[in-house]
Structures are given as C-alpha cells and as structure tokens.
Amino acid sequence: ELVARIQSILRRVRDGRDTPRDEPPSQLRFADWTLHSVLRQLQAPSGL
C-alpha cells in the first residue's frame, strides 16, 4: 500500500505540472464575505 501511495502522489504531481492552470481571480465575494486569493485572507462583512 505504501508503494501504491507513493506512485499515486507522484502521478498527481506530474499531472499537475503538465496541466496548464488558469490564473485564479484575486478575490471571490459571497454572501457579503470576501476571500482574497493572493493574501489568502477571509474578510467578514464588517471588514474584519
């Protein structure tokens, strides 16, 4: 099972590097909350 897990991890890493990724939006707003992708921060409706 350890061998299978190692092989699975390495496949995912290889596939992830080979697949082009779209640039994520800088932020997403939902229900008055804001999630910032670059800062990796969650902003509450109050601004906190």
All heavy atoms as atom14 arrays in JSON, in Angstrom:
{
  "sequence": "ELVARIQSILRRVRDGRDTPRDEPPSQLRFADWTLHSVLRQLQAPSGL",
  "atom14_mask": [
    [1, 1, 1, 1, 1, 1, 1, 1, 1, 0, 0, 0, 0, 0],
    [1, 1, 1, 1, 1, 1, 1, 1, 0, 0, 0, 0, 0, 0],
    [1, 1, 1, 1, 1, 1, 1, 0, 0, 0, 0, 0, 0, 0],
    [1, 1, 1, 1, 1, 0, 0, 0, 0, 0, 0, 0, 0, 0],
    [1, 1, 1, 1, 1, 1, 1, 1, 1, 1, 1, 0, 0, 0],
    [1, 1, 1, 1, 1, 1, 1, 1, 0, 0, 0, 0, 0, 0],
    [1, 1, 1, 1, 1, 1, 1, 1, 1, 0, 0, 0, 0, 0],
    [1, 1, 1, 1, 1, 1, 0, 0, 0, 0, 0, 0, 0, 0],
    [1, 1, 1, 1, 1, 1, 1, 1, 0, 0, 0, 0, 0, 0],
    [1, 1, 1, 1, 1, 1, 1, 1, 0, 0, 0, 0, 0, 0],
    [1, 1, 1, 1, 1, 1, 1, 1, 1, 1, 1, 0, 0, 0],
    [1, 1, 1, 1, 1, 1, 1, 1, 1, 1, 1, 0, 0, 0],
    [1, 1, 1, 1, 1, 1, 1, 0, 0, 0, 0, 0, 0, 0],
    [1, 1, 1, 1, 1, 1, 1, 1, 1, 1, 1, 0, 0, 0],
    [1, 1, 1, 1, 1, 1, 1, 1, 0, 0, 0, 0, 0, 0],
    [1, 1, 1, 1, 0, 0, 0, 0, 0, 0, 0, 0, 0, 0],
    [1, 1, 1, 1, 1, 1, 1, 1, 1, 1, 1, 0, 0, 0],
    [1, 1, 1, 1, 1, 1, 1, 1, 0, 0, 0, 0, 0, 0],
    [1, 1, 1, 1, 1, 1, 1, 0, 0, 0, 0, 0, 0, 0],
    [1, 1, 1, 1, 1, 1, 1, 0, 0, 0, 0, 0, 0, 0],
    [1, 1, 1, 1, 1, 1, 1, 1, 1, 1, 1, 0, 0, 0],
    [1, 1, 1, 1, 1, 1, 1, 1, 0, 0, 0, 0, 0, 0],
    [1, 1, 1, 1, 1, 1, 1, 1, 1, 0, 0, 0, 0, 0],
    [1, 1, 1, 1, 1, 1, 1, 0, 0, 0, 0, 0, 0, 0],
    [1, 1, 1, 1, 1, 1, 1, 0, 0, 0, 0, 0, 0, 0],
    [1, 1, 1, 1, 1, 1, 0, 0, 0, 0, 0, 0, 0, 0],
    [1, 1, 1, 1, 1, 1, 1, 1, 1, 0, 0, 0, 0, 0],
    [1, 1, 1, 1, 1, 1, 1, 1, 0, 0, 0, 0, 0, 0],
    [1, 1, 1, 1, 1, 1, 1, 1, 1, 1, 1, 0, 0, 0],
    [1, 1, 1, 1, 1, 1, 1, 1, 1, 1, 1, 0, 0, 0],
    [1, 1, 1, 1, 1, 0, 0, 0, 0, 0, 0, 0, 0, 0],
    [1, 1, 1, 1, 1, 1, 1, 1, 0, 0, 0, 0, 0, 0],
    [1, 1, 1, 1, 1, 1, 1, 1, 1, 1, 1, 1, 1, 1],
    [1, 1, 1, 1, 1, 1, 1, 0, 0, 0, 0, 0, 0, 0],
    [1, 1, 1, 1, 1, 1, 1, 1, 0, 0, 0, 0, 0, 0],
    [1, 1, 1, 1, 1, 1, 1, 1, 1, 1, 0, 0, 0, 0],
    [1, 1, 1, 1, 1, 1, 0, 0, 0, 0, 0, 0, 0, 0],
    [1, 1, 1, 1, 1, 1, 1, 0, 0, 0, 0, 0, 0, 0],
    [1, 1, 1, 1, 1, 1, 1, 1, 0, 0, 0, 0, 0, 0],
    [1, 1, 1, 1, 1, 1, 1, 1, 1, 1, 1, 0, 0, 0],
    [1, 1, 1, 1, 1, 1, 1, 1, 1, 0, 0, 0, 0, 0],
    [1, 1, 1, 1, 1, 1, 1, 1, 0, 0, 0, 0, 0, 0],
    [1, 1, 1, 1, 1, 1, 1, 1, 1, 0, 0, 0, 0, 0],
    [1, 1, 1, 1, 1, 0, 0, 0, 0, 0, 0, 0, 0, 0],
    [1, 1, 1, 1, 1, 1, 1, 0, 0, 0, 0, 0, 0, 0],
    [1, 1, 1, 1, 1, 1, 0, 0, 0, 0, 0, 0, 0, 0],
    [1, 1, 1, 1, 0, 0, 0, 0, 0, 0, 0, 0, 0, 0],
    [1, 1, 1, 1, 1, 1, 1, 1, 0, 0, 0, 0, 0, 0]
  ],
  "atom14_positions": [
    [[0.84, -1.2, 0.0], [0.0, 0.0, 0.0], [0.88, 1.25, 0.0], [0.55, 2.25, -0.66], [-0.93, 0.02, 1.21], [-1.85, 1.25, 1.21], [-2.75, 1.34, 2.42], [-2.69, 0.44, 3.28], [-3.51, 2.33, 2.5], [0.0, 0.0, 0.0], [0.0, 0.0, 0.0], [0.0, 0.0, 0.0], [0.0, 0.0, 0.0], [0.0, 0.0, 0.0]],
    [[1.98, 1.21, 0.72], [2.9, 2.34, 0.72], [3.41, 2.62, -0.69], [3.46, 3.77, -1.13], [4.08, 2.07, 1.66], [5.15, 3.17, 1.7], [4.59, 4.46, 2.26], [6.35, 2.71, 2.52], [0.0, 0.0, 0.0], [0.0, 0.0, 0.0], [0.0, 0.0, 0.0], [0.0, 0.0, 0.0], [0.0, 0.0, 0.0], [0.0, 0.0, 0.0]],
    [[3.76, 1.57, -1.4], [4.21, 1.73, -2.79], [3.12, 2.39, -3.63], [3.37, 3.32, -4.4], [4.62, 0.37, -3.4], [4.87, 0.5, -4.9], [5.85, -0.18, -2.7], [0.0, 0.0, 0.0], [0.0, 0.0, 0.0], [0.0, 0.0, 0.0], [0.0, 0.0, 0.0], [0.0, 0.0, 0.0], [0.0, 0.0, 0.0], [0.0, 0.0, 0.0]],
    [[1.89, 1.91, -3.47], [0.77, 2.46, -4.25], [0.56, 3.93, -3.94], [0.29, 4.74, -4.82], [-0.51, 1.67, -3.96], [0.0, 0.0, 0.0], [0.0, 0.0, 0.0], [0.0, 0.0, 0.0], [0.0, 0.0, 0.0], [0.0, 0.0, 0.0], [0.0, 0.0, 0.0], [0.0, 0.0, 0.0], [0.0, 0.0, 0.0], [0.0, 0.0, 0.0]],
    [[0.7, 4.29, -2.68], [0.52, 5.69, -2.3], [1.63, 6.57, -2.86], [1.39, 7.69, -3.31], [0.48, 5.8, -0.78], [-0.63, 5.0, -0.12], [-1.69, 5.9, 0.44], [-2.71, 5.14, 1.17], [-3.41, 5.61, 2.17], [-3.19, 6.84, 2.6], [-4.33, 4.89, 2.74], [0.0, 0.0, 0.0], [0.0, 0.0, 0.0], [0.0, 0.0, 0.0]],
    [[2.86, 6.09, -2.81], [3.98, 6.84, -3.4], [3.72, 7.07, -4.88], [3.86, 8.19, -5.39], [5.31, 6.09, -3.19], [5.68, 6.05, -1.71], [6.44, 6.76, -4.0], [6.86, 5.14, -1.41], [0.0, 0.0, 0.0], [0.0, 0.0, 0.0], [0.0, 0.0, 0.0], [0.0, 0.0, 0.0], [0.0, 0.0, 0.0], [0.0, 0.0, 0.0]],
    [[3.35, 6.01, -5.58], [3.1, 6.13, -7.02], [1.95, 7.08, -7.3], [1.99, 7.86, -8.26], [2.83, 4.74, -7.6], [4.06, 3.84, -7.57], [3.73, 2.4, -7.93], [2.59, 1.95, -7.81], [4.74, 1.65, -8.35], [0.0, 0.0, 0.0], [0.0, 0.0, 0.0], [0.0, 0.0, 0.0], [0.0, 0.0, 0.0], [0.0, 0.0, 0.0]],
    [[0.91, 7.04, -6.46], [-0.25, 7.92, -6.65], [0.14, 9.39, -6.45], [-0.25, 10.26, -7.22], [-1.36, 7.54, -5.66], [-2.47, 8.4, -5.78], [0.0, 0.0, 0.0], [0.0, 0.0, 0.0], [0.0, 0.0, 0.0], [0.0, 0.0, 0.0], [0.0, 0.0, 0.0], [0.0, 0.0, 0.0], [0.0, 0.0, 0.0], [0.0, 0.0, 0.0]],
    [[0.92, 9.67, -5.41], [1.37, 11.04, -5.16], [2.18, 11.56, -6.34], [1.97, 12.67, -6.82], [2.23, 11.1, -3.88], [1.36, 10.91, -2.64], [2.96, 12.44, -3.78], [2.15, 10.81, -1.35], [0.0, 0.0, 0.0], [0.0, 0.0, 0.0], [0.0, 0.0, 0.0], [0.0, 0.0, 0.0], [0.0, 0.0, 0.0], [0.0, 0.0, 0.0]],
    [[3.1, 10.75, -6.82], [3.97, 11.19, -7.91], [3.19, 11.39, -9.21], [3.51, 12.28, -10.0], [5.12, 10.2, -8.11], [6.08, 10.09, -6.92], [7.18, 9.08, -7.2], [6.69, 11.45, -6.57], [0.0, 0.0, 0.0], [0.0, 0.0, 0.0], [0.0, 0.0, 0.0], [0.0, 0.0, 0.0], [0.0, 0.0, 0.0], [0.0, 0.0, 0.0]],
    [[2.16, 10.58, -9.45], [1.3, 10.79, -10.62], [0.59, 12.12, -10.53], [0.48, 12.86, -11.51], [0.29, 9.65, -10.77], [0.81, 8.42, -11.46], [-0.32, 7.52, -11.91], [-1.21, 7.15, -10.82], [-1.04, 6.09, -10.05], [0.02, 5.3, -10.26], [-1.88, 5.8, -9.08], [0.0, 0.0, 0.0], [0.0, 0.0, 0.0], [0.0, 0.0, 0.0]],
    [[0.06, 12.44, -9.34], [-0.65, 13.69, -9.17], [0.27, 14.89, -9.36], [-0.11, 15.89, -9.97], [-1.29, 13.75, -7.78], [-2.51, 12.87, -7.63], [-3.27, 13.21, -6.38], [-2.48, 13.06, -5.18], [-2.44, 11.95, -4.45], [-3.1, 10.88, -4.83], [-1.72, 11.91, -3.35], [0.0, 0.0, 0.0], [0.0, 0.0, 0.0], [0.0, 0.0, 0.0]],
    [[1.48, 14.78, -8.84], [2.45, 15.86, -9.01], [2.79, 16.05, -10.48], [2.8, 17.16, -11.01], [3.73, 15.58, -8.19], [4.83, 16.58, -8.55], [3.43, 15.65, -6.71], [0.0, 0.0, 0.0], [0.0, 0.0, 0.0], [0.0, 0.0, 0.0], [0.0, 0.0, 0.0], [0.0, 0.0, 0.0], [0.0, 0.0, 0.0], [0.0, 0.0, 0.0]],
    [[3.04, 14.95, -11.18], [3.37, 15.02, -12.6], [2.22, 15.59, -13.41], [2.4, 16.49, -14.23], [3.71, 13.62, -13.12], [4.09, 13.57, -14.6], [4.05, 12.15, -15.11], [2.7, 11.61, -15.02], [2.42, 10.36, -14.66], [3.37, 9.52, -14.35], [1.15, 9.95, -14.61], [0.0, 0.0, 0.0], [0.0, 0.0, 0.0], [0.0, 0.0, 0.0]],
    [[0.99, 15.11, -13.14], [-0.16, 15.6, -13.89], [-0.41, 17.07, -13.61], [-0.8, 17.83, -14.5], [-1.41, 14.78, -13.53], [-1.32, 13.34, -14.01], [-0.44, 13.06, -14.85], [-2.1, 12.51, -13.52], [0.0, 0.0, 0.0], [0.0, 0.0, 0.0], [0.0, 0.0, 0.0], [0.0, 0.0, 0.0], [0.0, 0.0, 0.0], [0.0, 0.0, 0.0]],
    [[-0.21, 17.48, -12.36], [-0.41, 18.87, -12.01], [0.56, 19.79, -12.7], [0.23, 20.91, -13.09], [0.0, 0.0, 0.0], [0.0, 0.0, 0.0], [0.0, 0.0, 0.0], [0.0, 0.0, 0.0], [0.0, 0.0, 0.0], [0.0, 0.0, 0.0], [0.0, 0.0, 0.0], [0.0, 0.0, 0.0], [0.0, 0.0, 0.0], [0.0, 0.0, 0.0]],
    [[1.79, 19.33, -12.88], [2.79, 20.16, -13.54], [2.59, 20.2, -15.05], [2.95, 21.18, -15.7], [4.2, 19.63, -13.21], [4.61, 19.89, -11.76], [5.89, 19.21, -11.41], [6.27, 19.5, -10.02], [7.23, 18.85, -9.38], [7.91, 17.89, -9.97], [7.51, 19.17, -8.12], [0.0, 0.0, 0.0], [0.0, 0.0, 0.0], [0.0, 0.0, 0.0]],
    [[2.0, 19.13, -15.59], [1.8, 19.07, -17.04], [0.54, 19.79, -17.5], [0.39, 20.1, -18.68], [1.72, 17.6, -17.51], [3.07, 16.89, -17.36], [4.09, 17.6, -17.22], [3.09, 15.65, -17.39], [0.0, 0.0, 0.0], [0.0, 0.0, 0.0], [0.0, 0.0, 0.0], [0.0, 0.0, 0.0], [0.0, 0.0, 0.0], [0.0, 0.0, 0.0]],
    [[-0.41, 20.03, -16.57], [-1.68, 20.64, -16.94], [-1.63, 22.14, -16.77], [-1.38, 22.62, -15.66], [-2.83, 20.07, -16.06], [-2.86, 18.65, -16.2], [-4.16, 20.68, -16.47], [0.0, 0.0, 0.0], [0.0, 0.0, 0.0], [0.0, 0.0, 0.0], [0.0, 0.0, 0.0], [0.0, 0.0, 0.0], [0.0, 0.0, 0.0], [0.0, 0.0, 0.0]],
    [[-1.84, 22.91, -17.84], [-1.85, 24.37, -17.71], [-2.98, 24.82, -16.78], [-4.08, 24.28, -16.83], [-2.09, 24.87, -19.14], [-1.82, 23.71, -20.02], [-2.1, 22.48, -19.22], [0.0, 0.0, 0.0], [0.0, 0.0, 0.0], [0.0, 0.0, 0.0], [0.0, 0.0, 0.0], [0.0, 0.0, 0.0], [0.0, 0.0, 0.0], [0.0, 0.0, 0.0]],
    [[-2.7, 25.81, -15.93], [-3.7, 26.3, -14.99], [-4.08, 27.74, -15.32], [-3.22, 28.55, -15.6], [-3.17, 26.24, -13.55], [-2.89, 24.82, -13.08], [-2.35, 24.81, -11.67], [-2.03, 23.47, -11.24], [-2.88, 22.64, -10.66], [-4.12, 23.04, -10.46], [-2.52, 21.44, -10.3], [0.0, 0.0, 0.0], [0.0, 0.0, 0.0], [0.0, 0.0, 0.0]],
    [[-5.38, 28.01, -15.28], [-5.84, 29.38, -15.45], [-5.46, 30.2, -14.22], [-5.42, 29.68, -13.1], [-7.36, 29.42, -15.63], [-7.8, 28.71, -16.91], [-6.99, 28.71, -17.86], [-8.92, 28.17, -16.95], [0.0, 0.0, 0.0], [0.0, 0.0, 0.0], [0.0, 0.0, 0.0], [0.0, 0.0, 0.0], [0.0, 0.0, 0.0], [0.0, 0.0, 0.0]],
    [[-5.17, 31.47, -14.46], [-4.85, 32.36, -13.34], [-6.1, 32.54, -12.48], [-7.16, 32.93, -12.97], [-4.38, 33.71, -13.88], [-3.8, 34.62, -12.83], [-2.46, 34.12, -12.32], [-1.8, 33.35, -13.04], [-2.09, 34.5, -11.19], [0.0, 0.0, 0.0], [0.0, 0.0, 0.0], [0.0, 0.0, 0.0], [0.0, 0.0, 0.0], [0.0, 0.0, 0.0]],
    [[-6.02, 32.25, -11.17], [-7.21, 32.39, -10.32], [-7.56, 33.86, -10.12], [-6.69, 34.73, -10.19], [-6.78, 31.74, -9.0], [-5.29, 31.9, -8.97], [-4.85, 31.79, -10.41], [0.0, 0.0, 0.0], [0.0, 0.0, 0.0], [0.0, 0.0, 0.0], [0.0, 0.0, 0.0], [0.0, 0.0, 0.0], [0.0, 0.0, 0.0], [0.0, 0.0, 0.0]],
    [[-8.83, 34.16, -9.88], [-9.21, 35.55, -9.59], [-8.54, 36.01, -8.3], [-8.23, 35.2, -7.42], [-10.73, 35.47, -9.44], [-11.02, 34.05, -9.11], [-9.98, 33.24, -9.82], [0.0, 0.0, 0.0], [0.0, 0.0, 0.0], [0.0, 0.0, 0.0], [0.0, 0.0, 0.0], [0.0, 0.0, 0.0], [0.0, 0.0, 0.0], [0.0, 0.0, 0.0]],
    [[-8.33, 37.3, -8.19], [-7.66, 37.83, -7.0], [-8.55, 37.75, -5.76], [-8.04, 37.71, -4.64], [-7.24, 39.28, -7.23], [-8.37, 40.09, -7.5], [0.0, 0.0, 0.0], [0.0, 0.0, 0.0], [0.0, 0.0, 0.0], [0.0, 0.0, 0.0], [0.0, 0.0, 0.0], [0.0, 0.0, 0.0], [0.0, 0.0, 0.0], [0.0, 0.0, 0.0]],
    [[-9.86, 37.73, -5.96], [-10.76, 37.61, -4.83], [-12.11, 37.06, -5.29], [-12.47, 37.17, -6.45], [-10.97, 38.96, -4.14], [-11.66, 40.0, -5.0], [-11.79, 41.33, -4.28], [-10.93, 41.72, -3.5], [-12.89, 42.01, -4.51], [0.0, 0.0, 0.0], [0.0, 0.0, 0.0], [0.0, 0.0, 0.0], [0.0, 0.0, 0.0], [0.0, 0.0, 0.0]],
    [[-12.82, 36.45, -4.36], [-14.17, 35.96, -4.6], [-15.07, 36.5, -3.5], [-14.74, 36.41, -2.3], [-14.2, 34.42, -4.6], [-13.47, 33.71, -5.74], [-13.47, 32.21, -5.52], [-14.1, 34.05, -7.08], [0.0, 0.0, 0.0], [0.0, 0.0, 0.0], [0.0, 0.0, 0.0], [0.0, 0.0, 0.0], [0.0, 0.0, 0.0], [0.0, 0.0, 0.0]],
    [[-16.22, 37.04, -3.89], [-17.18, 37.59, -2.94], [-18.42, 36.7, -2.89], [-18.94, 36.3, -3.93], [-17.58, 39.02, -3.32], [-16.45, 40.04, -3.16], [-16.92, 41.44, -3.52], [-18.07, 41.85, -2.74], [-18.0, 42.35, -1.5], [-16.82, 42.5, -0.92], [-19.11, 42.7, -0.86], [0.0, 0.0, 0.0], [0.0, 0.0, 0.0], [0.0, 0.0, 0.0]],
    [[-18.88, 36.42, -1.67], [-20.06, 35.57, -1.5], [-20.73, 35.95, -0.18], [-20.07, 36.13, 0.85], [-19.66, 34.09, -1.47], [-18.77, 33.72, -0.3], [-19.3, 33.07, 0.82], [-17.43, 34.03, -0.31], [-18.5, 32.74, 1.89], [-16.61, 33.7, 0.77], [-17.14, 33.06, 1.86], [0.0, 0.0, 0.0], [0.0, 0.0, 0.0], [0.0, 0.0, 0.0]],
    [[-22.03, 36.13, -0.22], [-22.82, 36.41, 0.99], [-22.18, 37.5, 1.84], [-22.12, 37.38, 3.08], [-23.01, 35.12, 1.81], [0.0, 0.0, 0.0], [0.0, 0.0, 0.0], [0.0, 0.0, 0.0], [0.0, 0.0, 0.0], [0.0, 0.0, 0.0], [0.0, 0.0, 0.0], [0.0, 0.0, 0.0], [0.0, 0.0, 0.0], [0.0, 0.0, 0.0]],
    [[-21.68, 38.54, 1.19], [-21.04, 39.69, 1.85], [-19.67, 39.37, 2.44], [-19.07, 40.23, 3.11], [-21.95, 40.29, 2.95], [-23.23, 40.88, 2.36], [-23.17, 41.4, 1.22], [-24.27, 40.82, 3.02], [0.0, 0.0, 0.0], [0.0, 0.0, 0.0], [0.0, 0.0, 0.0], [0.0, 0.0, 0.0], [0.0, 0.0, 0.0], [0.0, 0.0, 0.0]],
    [[-19.17, 38.17, 2.22], [-17.8, 37.81, 2.62], [-16.9, 37.95, 1.4], [-17.34, 37.84, 0.26], [-17.74, 36.37, 3.11], [-18.43, 36.12, 4.42], [-19.77, 35.94, 4.62], [-17.82, 36.03, 5.7], [-20.04, 35.73, 5.94], [-18.86, 35.78, 6.64], [-16.51, 36.1, 6.16], [-18.61, 35.62, 8.01], [-16.25, 35.95, 7.52], [-17.3, 35.71, 8.42]],
    [[-15.6, 38.13, 1.63], [-14.62, 38.22, 0.55], [-13.42, 37.33, 0.88], [-12.85, 37.44, 1.98], [-14.12, 39.66, 0.35], [-15.24, 40.51, 0.1], [-13.16, 39.73, -0.84], [0.0, 0.0, 0.0], [0.0, 0.0, 0.0], [0.0, 0.0, 0.0], [0.0, 0.0, 0.0], [0.0, 0.0, 0.0], [0.0, 0.0, 0.0], [0.0, 0.0, 0.0]],
    [[-13.07, 36.47, -0.05], [-11.88, 35.63, 0.11], [-10.83, 36.11, -0.88], [-11.05, 36.12, -2.09], [-12.22, 34.16, -0.16], [-11.08, 33.16, 0.09], [-10.67, 33.15, 1.56], [-11.48, 31.75, -0.36], [0.0, 0.0, 0.0], [0.0, 0.0, 0.0], [0.0, 0.0, 0.0], [0.0, 0.0, 0.0], [0.0, 0.0, 0.0], [0.0, 0.0, 0.0]],
    [[-9.67, 36.54, -0.37], [-8.58, 37.05, -1.18], [-7.6, 35.91, -1.5], [-7.04, 35.31, -0.58], [-7.85, 38.18, -0.45], [-8.72, 39.36, -0.15], [-8.94, 40.38, -1.05], [-9.47, 39.67, 0.96], [-9.76, 41.27, -0.51], [-10.1, 40.87, 0.7], [0.0, 0.0, 0.0], [0.0, 0.0, 0.0], [0.0, 0.0, 0.0], [0.0, 0.0, 0.0]],
    [[-7.39, 35.65, -2.78], [-6.55, 34.52, -3.17], [-5.06, 34.79, -2.96], [-4.31, 33.89, -2.59], [-6.8, 34.15, -4.63], [-6.41, 35.2, -5.49], [0.0, 0.0, 0.0], [0.0, 0.0, 0.0], [0.0, 0.0, 0.0], [0.0, 0.0, 0.0], [0.0, 0.0, 0.0], [0.0, 0.0, 0.0], [0.0, 0.0, 0.0], [0.0, 0.0, 0.0]],
    [[-4.61, 36.01, -3.21], [-3.19, 36.32, -3.07], [-2.81, 36.44, -1.6], [-1.83, 35.84, -1.14], [-2.84, 37.62, -3.82], [-1.37, 37.97, -3.61], [-3.14, 37.48, -5.31], [0.0, 0.0, 0.0], [0.0, 0.0, 0.0], [0.0, 0.0, 0.0], [0.0, 0.0, 0.0], [0.0, 0.0, 0.0], [0.0, 0.0, 0.0], [0.0, 0.0, 0.0]],
    [[-3.6, 37.18, -0.85], [-3.33, 37.35, 0.58], [-3.74, 36.13, 1.39], [-3.33, 35.99, 2.54], [-4.07, 38.58, 1.1], [-3.7, 39.93, 0.47], [-4.59, 41.04, 1.02], [-2.23, 40.25, 0.72], [0.0, 0.0, 0.0], [0.0, 0.0, 0.0], [0.0, 0.0, 0.0], [0.0, 0.0, 0.0], [0.0, 0.0, 0.0], [0.0, 0.0, 0.0]],
    [[-4.59, 35.28, 0.79], [-5.11, 34.09, 1.47], [-5.81, 34.5, 2.76], [-5.59, 33.91, 3.83], [-4.0, 33.07, 1.73], [-3.34, 32.6, 0.45], [-2.16, 31.68, 0.74], [-2.6, 30.34, 1.08], [-2.89, 29.39, 0.2], [-2.79, 29.62, -1.09], [-3.27, 28.19, 0.59], [0.0, 0.0, 0.0], [0.0, 0.0, 0.0], [0.0, 0.0, 0.0]],
    [[-6.67, 35.52, 2.65], [-7.39, 36.05, 3.8], [-8.89, 36.05, 3.54], [-9.34, 36.22, 2.41], [-6.95, 37.49, 4.11], [-5.54, 37.62, 4.65], [-5.17, 39.06, 4.93], [-5.84, 39.99, 4.46], [-4.11, 39.27, 5.69], [0.0, 0.0, 0.0], [0.0, 0.0, 0.0], [0.0, 0.0, 0.0], [0.0, 0.0, 0.0], [0.0, 0.0, 0.0]],
    [[-9.63, 35.88, 4.62], [-11.09, 35.94, 4.57], [-11.53, 37.23, 5.27], [-11.14, 37.48, 6.41], [-11.7, 34.73, 5.28], [-13.23, 34.68, 5.37], [-13.86, 34.6, 3.99], [-13.65, 33.5, 6.24], [0.0, 0.0, 0.0], [0.0, 0.0, 0.0], [0.0, 0.0, 0.0], [0.0, 0.0, 0.0], [0.0, 0.0, 0.0], [0.0, 0.0, 0.0]],
    [[-12.31, 38.03, 4.58], [-12.78, 39.3, 5.14], [-14.26, 39.21, 5.42], [-15.07, 38.89, 4.55], [-12.49, 40.44, 4.17], [-12.78, 41.82, 4.73], [-12.33, 42.93, 3.79], [-11.56, 42.7, 2.87], [-12.82, 44.13, 4.03], [0.0, 0.0, 0.0], [0.0, 0.0, 0.0], [0.0, 0.0, 0.0], [0.0, 0.0, 0.0], [0.0, 0.0, 0.0]],
    [[-14.64, 39.5, 6.66], [-16.04, 39.43, 7.08], [-16.83, 40.61, 6.53], [-16.24, 41.62, 6.12], [-16.11, 39.41, 8.61], [0.0, 0.0, 0.0], [0.0, 0.0, 0.0], [0.0, 0.0, 0.0], [0.0, 0.0, 0.0], [0.0, 0.0, 0.0], [0.0, 0.0, 0.0], [0.0, 0.0, 0.0], [0.0, 0.0, 0.0], [0.0, 0.0, 0.0]],
    [[-18.17, 40.53, 6.53], [-18.99, 41.66, 6.08], [-18.67, 42.96, 6.82], [-18.8, 44.05, 6.27], [-20.42, 41.18, 6.36], [-20.33, 39.7, 6.27], [-18.99, 39.34, 6.83], [0.0, 0.0, 0.0], [0.0, 0.0, 0.0], [0.0, 0.0, 0.0], [0.0, 0.0, 0.0], [0.0, 0.0, 0.0], [0.0, 0.0, 0.0], [0.0, 0.0, 0.0]],
    [[-18.22, 42.84, 8.08], [-17.88, 44.03, 8.87], [-16.55, 44.64, 8.47], [-16.2, 45.73, 8.92], [-17.83, 43.65, 10.36], [-16.77, 42.73, 10.59], [0.0, 0.0, 0.0], [0.0, 0.0, 0.0], [0.0, 0.0, 0.0], [0.0, 0.0, 0.0], [0.0, 0.0, 0.0], [0.0, 0.0, 0.0], [0.0, 0.0, 0.0], [0.0, 0.0, 0.0]],
    [[-15.78, 43.92, 7.64], [-14.45, 44.38, 7.26], [-13.35, 43.71, 8.05], [-12.16, 43.84, 7.71], [0.0, 0.0, 0.0], [0.0, 0.0, 0.0], [0.0, 0.0, 0.0], [0.0, 0.0, 0.0], [0.0, 0.0, 0.0], [0.0, 0.0, 0.0], [0.0, 0.0, 0.0], [0.0, 0.0, 0.0], [0.0, 0.0, 0.0], [0.0, 0.0, 0.0]],
    [[-13.71, 42.99, 9.11], [-12.72, 42.3, 9.94], [-12.08, 41.15, 9.17], [-12.77, 40.4, 8.47], [-13.4, 41.76, 11.2], [-12.51, 41.02, 12.21], [-11.57, 42.01, 12.89], [-13.38, 40.31, 13.25], [0.0, 0.0, 0.0], [0.0, 0.0, 0.0], [0.0, 0.0, 0.0], [0.0, 0.0, 0.0], [0.0, 0.0, 0.0], [0.0, 0.0, 0.0]]
  ]
}
